[in-house]
């Protein structure tokens, strides 16, 4: 896990732990640059254990975001569909991953930027 995390975000400011993905928060913290943040989205199925040495020396942080219950999410999606509200998503094919990373690092990504690993062109 540490090798995988390091390979994709060794110099990132933020990392997100996808739901259902096994991995130690310490591995993700190792991939973050100083003052980086690990964001846990949703409710973890197990307690989160973090070594103080993973966060204190480089002033890293663990932050969270609450996701509402399915009924609330359904009402929100129904409202959006009724009013023609759509997400703003920038999609980069995998062949443009360097451009996508540069786009993100320069702060030009707005709302949601995604690298589609199913495409190559």
N, C-alpha and C. Protein backbone atom coordinates (compact mmCIF):
# COMPACT_ATOMS: atom_id res chain seq x y z
N UNK A 1 0.81 -1.19 0.00
CA UNK A 1 0.00 0.00 0.00
C UNK A 1 0.86 1.26 0.00
N UNK A 2 1.91 1.28 0.80
CA UNK A 2 2.75 2.48 0.85
C UNK A 2 3.35 2.76 -0.51
N UNK A 3 3.81 1.73 -1.20
CA UNK A 3 4.39 1.91 -2.53
C UNK A 3 3.36 2.49 -3.49
N UNK A 4 2.13 1.96 -3.46
CA UNK A 4 1.08 2.44 -4.36
C UNK A 4 0.76 3.89 -4.06
N UNK A 5 0.56 4.23 -2.79
CA UNK A 5 0.24 5.60 -2.42
C UNK A 5 1.36 6.54 -2.82
N UNK A 6 2.58 6.15 -2.59
CA UNK A 6 3.71 6.99 -2.94
C UNK A 6 3.79 7.21 -4.44
N UNK A 7 3.47 6.20 -5.22
CA UNK A 7 3.60 6.32 -6.66
C UNK A 7 2.63 7.33 -7.25
N UNK A 8 1.46 7.52 -6.67
CA UNK A 8 0.52 8.44 -7.29
C UNK A 8 0.45 9.79 -6.63
N UNK A 9 0.95 9.95 -5.41
CA UNK A 9 0.80 11.26 -4.83
C UNK A 9 1.94 11.64 -3.89
N UNK A 10 3.14 11.37 -4.29
CA UNK A 10 4.29 11.64 -3.43
C UNK A 10 4.45 13.12 -3.11
N UNK A 11 3.90 13.98 -3.91
CA UNK A 11 4.08 15.41 -3.69
C UNK A 11 2.75 16.15 -3.63
N UNK A 12 1.71 15.48 -3.24
CA UNK A 12 0.39 16.10 -3.22
C UNK A 12 0.09 16.78 -1.89
N UNK A 13 -0.80 17.76 -1.94
CA UNK A 13 -1.25 18.45 -0.75
C UNK A 13 -2.39 17.71 -0.07
N UNK A 14 -3.17 16.97 -0.86
CA UNK A 14 -4.35 16.31 -0.33
C UNK A 14 -4.44 14.89 -0.87
N UNK A 15 -5.01 14.00 -0.08
CA UNK A 15 -5.31 12.64 -0.53
C UNK A 15 -6.66 12.28 0.05
N UNK A 16 -7.37 11.44 -0.64
CA UNK A 16 -8.68 11.01 -0.16
C UNK A 16 -8.67 9.50 -0.11
N UNK A 17 -9.17 8.97 1.01
CA UNK A 17 -9.24 7.53 1.18
C UNK A 17 -10.59 7.07 0.65
N UNK A 18 -10.62 6.36 -0.48
CA UNK A 18 -11.89 5.93 -1.05
C UNK A 18 -12.60 4.95 -0.13
N UNK A 19 -13.95 5.03 -0.05
CA UNK A 19 -14.69 4.09 0.79
C UNK A 19 -14.43 2.65 0.37
N UNK A 20 -14.31 1.77 1.32
CA UNK A 20 -14.14 0.35 1.03
C UNK A 20 -12.75 -0.04 0.61
N UNK A 21 -11.83 0.89 0.58
CA UNK A 21 -10.47 0.58 0.13
C UNK A 21 -9.60 0.31 1.35
N UNK A 22 -8.97 -0.82 1.37
CA UNK A 22 -8.10 -1.15 2.50
C UNK A 22 -6.81 -0.37 2.37
N UNK A 23 -6.35 0.14 3.47
CA UNK A 23 -5.09 0.86 3.46
C UNK A 23 -4.90 1.56 4.77
N UNK A 24 -3.69 1.61 5.23
CA UNK A 24 -3.37 2.27 6.49
C UNK A 24 -3.27 3.77 6.26
N UNK A 25 -3.90 4.57 7.14
CA UNK A 25 -3.73 6.02 7.01
C UNK A 25 -2.25 6.42 7.05
N UNK A 26 -1.43 5.67 7.76
CA UNK A 26 0.00 5.99 7.81
C UNK A 26 0.63 5.90 6.43
N UNK A 27 0.16 4.97 5.59
CA UNK A 27 0.67 4.86 4.22
C UNK A 27 0.30 6.10 3.40
N UNK A 28 -0.94 6.56 3.58
CA UNK A 28 -1.38 7.76 2.85
C UNK A 28 -0.61 8.99 3.34
N UNK A 29 -0.43 9.11 4.66
CA UNK A 29 0.31 10.24 5.20
C UNK A 29 1.73 10.26 4.66
N UNK A 30 2.33 9.10 4.48
CA UNK A 30 3.69 9.03 3.94
C UNK A 30 3.75 9.62 2.52
N UNK A 31 2.64 9.56 1.79
CA UNK A 31 2.61 10.07 0.42
C UNK A 31 2.37 11.56 0.34
N UNK A 32 1.96 12.17 1.43
CA UNK A 32 1.64 13.59 1.41
C UNK A 32 2.86 14.45 1.67
N UNK A 33 2.88 15.63 1.07
CA UNK A 33 3.94 16.59 1.37
C UNK A 33 3.65 17.24 2.73
N UNK A 34 4.61 17.95 3.29
CA UNK A 34 4.37 18.63 4.57
C UNK A 34 3.13 19.52 4.50
N UNK A 35 2.36 19.51 5.59
CA UNK A 35 1.11 20.24 5.73
C UNK A 35 0.01 19.71 4.83
N UNK A 36 0.19 18.50 4.28
CA UNK A 36 -0.85 17.87 3.48
C UNK A 36 -1.99 17.39 4.35
N UNK A 37 -3.14 17.07 3.73
CA UNK A 37 -4.31 16.63 4.48
C UNK A 37 -4.85 15.34 3.88
N UNK A 38 -5.20 14.41 4.75
CA UNK A 38 -5.87 13.18 4.35
C UNK A 38 -7.34 13.35 4.70
N UNK A 39 -8.20 13.27 3.72
CA UNK A 39 -9.64 13.46 3.93
C UNK A 39 -10.35 12.11 3.88
N UNK A 40 -11.02 11.77 4.95
CA UNK A 40 -11.82 10.55 5.02
C UNK A 40 -13.25 10.94 4.70
N UNK A 41 -13.80 10.38 3.63
CA UNK A 41 -15.15 10.69 3.20
C UNK A 41 -16.06 9.54 3.59
N UNK A 42 -17.14 9.84 4.28
CA UNK A 42 -18.06 8.81 4.73
C UNK A 42 -17.65 8.26 6.08
N UNK A 43 -18.32 7.21 6.48
CA UNK A 43 -18.08 6.61 7.79
C UNK A 43 -17.21 5.38 7.64
N UNK A 44 -16.01 5.40 8.22
CA UNK A 44 -15.14 4.23 8.13
C UNK A 44 -15.78 3.02 8.82
N UNK A 45 -15.48 1.83 8.33
CA UNK A 45 -16.01 0.62 8.93
C UNK A 45 -15.20 0.16 10.12
N UNK A 46 -14.00 0.70 10.28
CA UNK A 46 -13.12 0.34 11.39
C UNK A 46 -12.54 1.61 11.98
N UNK A 47 -12.10 1.57 13.24
CA UNK A 47 -11.44 2.74 13.83
C UNK A 47 -10.19 3.13 13.01
N UNK A 48 -9.91 4.40 12.96
CA UNK A 48 -8.73 4.90 12.26
C UNK A 48 -7.60 5.04 13.28
N UNK A 49 -6.51 4.36 13.02
CA UNK A 49 -5.35 4.42 13.91
C UNK A 49 -4.21 5.09 13.16
N UNK A 50 -3.68 6.15 13.75
CA UNK A 50 -2.62 6.91 13.11
C UNK A 50 -1.46 7.07 14.09
N UNK A 51 -0.27 6.83 13.62
CA UNK A 51 0.93 7.05 14.42
C UNK A 51 1.20 8.55 14.49
N UNK A 52 1.42 9.09 15.68
CA UNK A 52 1.74 10.52 15.78
C UNK A 52 2.94 10.91 14.92
N UNK A 53 3.88 9.99 14.74
CA UNK A 53 5.05 10.30 13.91
C UNK A 53 4.70 10.43 12.43
N UNK A 54 3.50 9.98 12.03
CA UNK A 54 3.06 10.14 10.64
C UNK A 54 2.57 11.55 10.36
N UNK A 55 2.19 12.28 11.41
CA UNK A 55 1.58 13.58 11.18
C UNK A 55 2.28 14.76 11.84
N UNK A 56 2.80 14.58 13.03
CA UNK A 56 3.31 15.73 13.80
C UNK A 56 4.53 16.39 13.16
N UNK A 57 5.60 15.67 12.79
CA UNK A 57 6.80 16.35 12.29
C UNK A 57 6.55 17.21 11.05
N UNK A 58 5.67 16.81 10.17
CA UNK A 58 5.44 17.56 8.93
C UNK A 58 4.11 18.32 8.95
N UNK A 59 3.48 18.42 10.14
CA UNK A 59 2.23 19.18 10.31
C UNK A 59 1.13 18.72 9.37
N UNK A 60 0.99 17.42 9.19
CA UNK A 60 -0.06 16.87 8.34
C UNK A 60 -1.35 16.78 9.14
N UNK A 61 -2.49 16.61 8.45
CA UNK A 61 -3.78 16.62 9.15
C UNK A 61 -4.71 15.55 8.61
N UNK A 62 -5.57 15.08 9.48
CA UNK A 62 -6.64 14.16 9.11
C UNK A 62 -7.93 14.95 9.21
N UNK A 63 -8.67 15.05 8.11
CA UNK A 63 -9.93 15.78 8.08
C UNK A 63 -11.02 14.83 7.59
N UNK A 64 -12.28 15.24 7.76
CA UNK A 64 -13.37 14.36 7.35
C UNK A 64 -14.48 15.15 6.68
N UNK A 65 -15.34 14.42 6.02
CA UNK A 65 -16.54 14.99 5.41
C UNK A 65 -17.69 14.03 5.67
N UNK A 66 -18.81 14.58 6.05
CA UNK A 66 -19.97 13.76 6.37
C UNK A 66 -20.82 13.58 5.11
N UNK A 67 -21.24 12.37 4.88
CA UNK A 67 -22.13 12.05 3.78
C UNK A 67 -23.47 11.72 4.40
N UNK A 68 -24.55 12.32 3.90
CA UNK A 68 -25.87 12.12 4.47
C UNK A 68 -26.41 10.72 4.22
N UNK A 69 -27.52 10.40 4.90
CA UNK A 69 -28.14 9.09 4.71
C UNK A 69 -28.68 8.94 3.28
N UNK A 70 -28.84 7.70 2.82
CA UNK A 70 -29.29 7.47 1.44
C UNK A 70 -30.59 8.19 1.08
N UNK A 71 -31.55 8.29 2.01
CA UNK A 71 -32.83 8.96 1.71
C UNK A 71 -32.61 10.44 1.39
N UNK A 72 -31.73 11.09 2.11
CA UNK A 72 -31.44 12.51 1.87
C UNK A 72 -30.72 12.66 0.53
N UNK A 73 -29.78 11.78 0.25
CA UNK A 73 -29.07 11.82 -1.03
C UNK A 73 -30.05 11.62 -2.18
N UNK A 74 -31.00 10.69 -2.04
CA UNK A 74 -32.01 10.42 -3.08
C UNK A 74 -32.84 11.66 -3.33
N UNK A 75 -33.29 12.35 -2.27
CA UNK A 75 -34.10 13.57 -2.43
C UNK A 75 -33.29 14.66 -3.14
N UNK A 76 -32.01 14.77 -2.78
CA UNK A 76 -31.15 15.75 -3.42
C UNK A 76 -31.00 15.47 -4.92
N UNK A 77 -30.77 14.20 -5.26
CA UNK A 77 -30.63 13.82 -6.67
C UNK A 77 -31.94 14.01 -7.44
N UNK A 78 -33.06 13.70 -6.81
CA UNK A 78 -34.37 13.92 -7.45
C UNK A 78 -34.60 15.40 -7.72
N UNK A 79 -34.26 16.24 -6.75
CA UNK A 79 -34.40 17.69 -6.91
C UNK A 79 -33.53 18.18 -8.07
N UNK A 80 -32.29 17.71 -8.10
CA UNK A 80 -31.37 18.13 -9.17
C UNK A 80 -31.90 17.71 -10.53
N UNK A 81 -32.39 16.47 -10.63
CA UNK A 81 -32.93 15.99 -11.91
C UNK A 81 -34.15 16.80 -12.33
N UNK A 82 -35.03 17.11 -11.39
CA UNK A 82 -36.24 17.87 -11.68
C UNK A 82 -35.92 19.25 -12.22
N UNK A 83 -34.86 19.85 -11.72
CA UNK A 83 -34.50 21.21 -12.11
C UNK A 83 -33.36 21.28 -13.11
N UNK A 84 -32.95 20.14 -13.66
CA UNK A 84 -31.91 20.12 -14.69
C UNK A 84 -30.54 20.55 -14.17
N UNK A 85 -30.26 20.27 -12.92
CA UNK A 85 -28.98 20.63 -12.33
C UNK A 85 -28.01 19.47 -12.54
N UNK A 86 -26.86 19.77 -13.13
CA UNK A 86 -25.86 18.75 -13.43
C UNK A 86 -24.52 19.13 -12.80
N UNK A 87 -23.71 18.15 -12.45
CA UNK A 87 -22.39 18.48 -11.89
C UNK A 87 -21.46 19.02 -12.96
N UNK A 88 -20.52 19.83 -12.52
CA UNK A 88 -19.47 20.30 -13.42
C UNK A 88 -18.27 19.40 -13.21
N UNK A 89 -17.92 18.63 -14.24
CA UNK A 89 -16.85 17.66 -14.14
C UNK A 89 -15.89 17.86 -15.31
N UNK A 90 -14.61 17.97 -14.98
CA UNK A 90 -13.57 18.00 -16.01
C UNK A 90 -13.02 16.59 -16.11
N UNK A 91 -13.09 15.97 -17.29
CA UNK A 91 -12.62 14.61 -17.47
C UNK A 91 -11.38 14.62 -18.36
N UNK A 92 -10.32 14.01 -17.86
CA UNK A 92 -9.08 13.89 -18.61
C UNK A 92 -8.87 12.42 -18.96
N UNK A 93 -8.62 12.09 -20.24
CA UNK A 93 -8.27 10.69 -20.56
C UNK A 93 -6.92 10.36 -19.95
N UNK A 94 -6.68 9.10 -19.73
CA UNK A 94 -5.44 8.68 -19.06
C UNK A 94 -4.19 9.12 -19.82
N UNK A 95 -4.28 9.28 -21.12
CA UNK A 95 -3.13 9.71 -21.91
C UNK A 95 -2.72 11.15 -21.57
N UNK A 96 -3.63 11.91 -20.92
CA UNK A 96 -3.35 13.31 -20.56
C UNK A 96 -3.17 13.46 -19.05
N UNK A 97 -2.73 12.41 -18.38
CA UNK A 97 -2.62 12.45 -16.91
C UNK A 97 -1.64 13.52 -16.44
N UNK A 98 -0.53 13.72 -17.15
CA UNK A 98 0.43 14.76 -16.76
C UNK A 98 -0.23 16.14 -16.83
N UNK A 99 -1.00 16.37 -17.87
CA UNK A 99 -1.73 17.64 -18.01
C UNK A 99 -2.73 17.80 -16.87
N UNK A 100 -3.43 16.72 -16.51
CA UNK A 100 -4.42 16.76 -15.43
C UNK A 100 -3.75 17.12 -14.10
N UNK A 101 -2.61 16.51 -13.82
CA UNK A 101 -1.89 16.78 -12.57
C UNK A 101 -1.42 18.23 -12.55
N UNK A 102 -0.89 18.71 -13.66
CA UNK A 102 -0.44 20.09 -13.75
C UNK A 102 -1.62 21.05 -13.55
N UNK A 103 -2.76 20.72 -14.14
CA UNK A 103 -3.99 21.50 -14.03
C UNK A 103 -4.40 21.62 -12.55
N UNK A 104 -4.33 20.51 -11.84
CA UNK A 104 -4.68 20.47 -10.42
C UNK A 104 -3.67 21.26 -9.58
N UNK A 105 -2.40 21.03 -9.81
CA UNK A 105 -1.36 21.70 -9.01
C UNK A 105 -1.36 23.21 -9.18
N UNK A 106 -1.74 23.68 -10.36
CA UNK A 106 -1.79 25.12 -10.60
C UNK A 106 -3.09 25.74 -10.10
N UNK A 107 -3.95 24.93 -9.49
CA UNK A 107 -5.19 25.44 -8.92
C UNK A 107 -6.26 25.77 -9.94
N UNK A 108 -6.16 25.21 -11.14
CA UNK A 108 -7.14 25.49 -12.19
C UNK A 108 -8.31 24.51 -12.17
N UNK A 109 -8.21 23.42 -11.42
CA UNK A 109 -9.31 22.45 -11.34
C UNK A 109 -10.43 23.07 -10.50
N UNK A 110 -11.63 23.03 -11.02
CA UNK A 110 -12.79 23.57 -10.31
C UNK A 110 -13.80 22.45 -10.11
N UNK A 111 -14.36 22.41 -8.94
CA UNK A 111 -15.41 21.46 -8.58
C UNK A 111 -14.89 20.03 -8.60
N UNK A 112 -14.83 19.37 -9.75
CA UNK A 112 -14.39 17.98 -9.80
C UNK A 112 -13.56 17.76 -11.06
N UNK A 113 -12.36 17.24 -10.89
CA UNK A 113 -11.50 16.87 -12.02
C UNK A 113 -11.22 15.38 -11.88
N UNK A 114 -11.41 14.65 -12.98
CA UNK A 114 -11.31 13.18 -12.96
C UNK A 114 -10.39 12.73 -14.08
N UNK A 115 -9.54 11.76 -13.77
CA UNK A 115 -8.74 11.10 -14.80
C UNK A 115 -9.43 9.78 -15.10
N UNK A 116 -9.89 9.62 -16.33
CA UNK A 116 -10.60 8.41 -16.75
C UNK A 116 -9.59 7.36 -17.16
N UNK A 117 -9.37 6.39 -16.31
CA UNK A 117 -8.37 5.36 -16.58
C UNK A 117 -8.88 4.33 -17.59
N UNK A 118 -10.13 4.41 -17.98
CA UNK A 118 -10.68 3.47 -18.98
C UNK A 118 -10.36 3.92 -20.39
N UNK A 119 -9.91 5.16 -20.55
CA UNK A 119 -9.61 5.68 -21.88
C UNK A 119 -8.13 5.93 -22.02
N UNK A 120 -7.68 5.98 -23.25
CA UNK A 120 -6.26 6.27 -23.47
C UNK A 120 -6.07 7.47 -24.37
N UNK A 121 -7.09 7.95 -25.00
CA UNK A 121 -6.91 9.07 -25.92
C UNK A 121 -7.84 10.12 -25.65
